[in-house]
Amino acid sequence: MSKGKIRRVIIVLLSYAVGSVIVFLSASVLSRILALPELFPRALLIGLILGVPISITVAWIYPNIGLSGGAQPDEHSVNIPVSESPTED
């Protein structure tokens, strides 16, 4: 494990946490103003929690995403070969 990859995952996790708090607090206020059902903030919280493993996985597989290096996968990630489809003449 490289320190850069771990650092990137930690940065993404902290950014996700801060963004989630802002989204959740904003949605709580807006749900009262717009008279949304009481289930809305709870459903949003569950969705935000379910997004954590997805964001960590993306940050782990693509450690350079958002940087000048582009969105190239890590050299140790799984590569799925793409088969060529037959062309019609």
Protein backbone atom coordinates (compact mmCIF):
# COMPACT_ATOMS: atom_id res chain seq x y z
CA MET A 1 0.00 0.00 0.00
CA SER A 2 1.36 3.36 -0.93
CA LYS A 3 1.12 6.32 1.40
CA GLY A 4 -0.22 8.44 -1.44
CA LYS A 5 -3.16 6.12 -1.99
CA ILE A 6 -4.01 6.01 1.71
CA ARG A 7 -3.68 9.79 1.96
CA ARG A 8 -6.04 10.19 -1.01
CA VAL A 9 -8.64 7.90 0.59
CA ILE A 10 -8.46 9.87 3.84
CA ILE A 11 -8.88 13.17 1.98
CA VAL A 12 -11.90 11.79 0.10
CA LEU A 13 -13.41 10.42 3.31
CA LEU A 14 -13.03 13.73 5.15
CA SER A 15 -14.39 15.68 2.18
CA TYR A 16 -17.34 13.32 1.93
CA ALA A 17 -18.06 13.73 5.64
CA VAL A 18 -18.01 17.53 5.47
CA GLY A 19 -20.13 17.55 2.31
CA SER A 20 -22.60 15.09 3.81
CA VAL A 21 -23.07 17.22 6.92
CA ILE A 22 -23.72 20.30 4.78
CA VAL A 23 -26.18 18.43 2.54
CA PHE A 24 -27.98 16.84 5.49
CA LEU A 25 -28.37 20.09 7.43
CA SER A 26 -29.54 21.94 4.32
CA ALA A 27 -32.02 19.19 3.51
CA SER A 28 -33.38 19.23 7.06
CA VAL A 29 -34.12 22.95 6.83
CA LEU A 30 -35.54 22.68 3.31
CA SER A 31 -37.72 19.71 4.22
CA ARG A 32 -39.45 21.83 6.87
CA ILE A 33 -39.84 24.78 4.51
CA LEU A 34 -41.15 22.63 1.62
CA ALA A 35 -43.28 20.45 3.93
CA LEU A 36 -41.63 17.23 2.79
CA PRO A 37 -42.49 13.99 4.59
CA GLU A 38 -40.73 13.24 7.88
CA LEU A 39 -39.13 10.23 6.22
CA PHE A 40 -37.10 12.43 3.84
CA PRO A 41 -34.17 13.31 6.16
CA ARG A 42 -33.88 9.71 7.31
CA ALA A 43 -33.88 8.42 3.72
CA LEU A 44 -31.27 11.03 2.78
CA LEU A 45 -29.08 9.99 5.71
CA ILE A 46 -29.28 6.34 4.67
CA GLY A 47 -28.34 7.31 1.11
CA LEU A 48 -25.37 9.33 2.32
CA ILE A 49 -24.18 6.45 4.50
CA LEU A 50 -24.49 4.01 1.59
CA GLY A 51 -22.37 6.36 -0.52
CA VAL A 52 -19.35 6.10 1.80
CA PRO A 53 -18.10 2.70 0.58
CA ILE A 54 -18.61 3.76 -3.04
CA SER A 55 -16.54 6.92 -2.62
CA ILE A 56 -13.80 5.05 -0.75
CA THR A 57 -13.66 2.38 -3.46
CA VAL A 58 -13.41 4.95 -6.24
CA ALA A 59 -10.69 6.84 -4.34
CA TRP A 60 -8.76 3.59 -3.84
CA ILE A 61 -8.98 2.39 -7.46
CA TYR A 62 -8.46 5.81 -9.04
CA PRO A 63 -6.03 7.63 -6.72
CA ASN A 64 -5.23 10.31 -9.33
CA ILE A 65 -8.79 11.31 -10.18
CA GLY A 66 -9.22 15.04 -9.89
CA LEU A 67 -5.48 15.61 -10.03
CA SER A 68 -3.40 16.54 -13.05
CA GLY A 69 -2.63 12.85 -13.59
CA GLY A 70 -6.08 12.17 -14.98
CA ALA A 71 -8.42 9.32 -14.12
CA GLN A 72 -6.13 6.40 -14.91
CA PRO A 73 -6.58 3.32 -12.70
CA ASP A 74 -3.77 2.16 -10.47
CA GLU A 75 -1.30 -0.27 -12.04
CA HIS A 76 -2.37 -3.00 -9.58
CA SER A 77 -6.07 -2.81 -10.35
CA VAL A 78 -7.93 -5.49 -12.24
CA ASN A 79 -7.98 -4.99 -15.99
CA ILE A 80 -10.87 -6.49 -17.91
CA PRO A 81 -9.96 -7.16 -21.54
CA VAL A 82 -12.35 -5.80 -24.12
CA SER A 83 -13.03 -8.22 -26.94
CA GLU A 84 -13.38 -6.87 -30.40
CA SER A 85 -16.83 -7.19 -31.88
CA PRO A 86 -17.08 -8.50 -35.41
CA THR A 87 -17.60 -5.80 -37.98
CA GLU A 88 -20.26 -6.07 -40.58
CA ASP A 89 -19.28 -5.34 -44.16
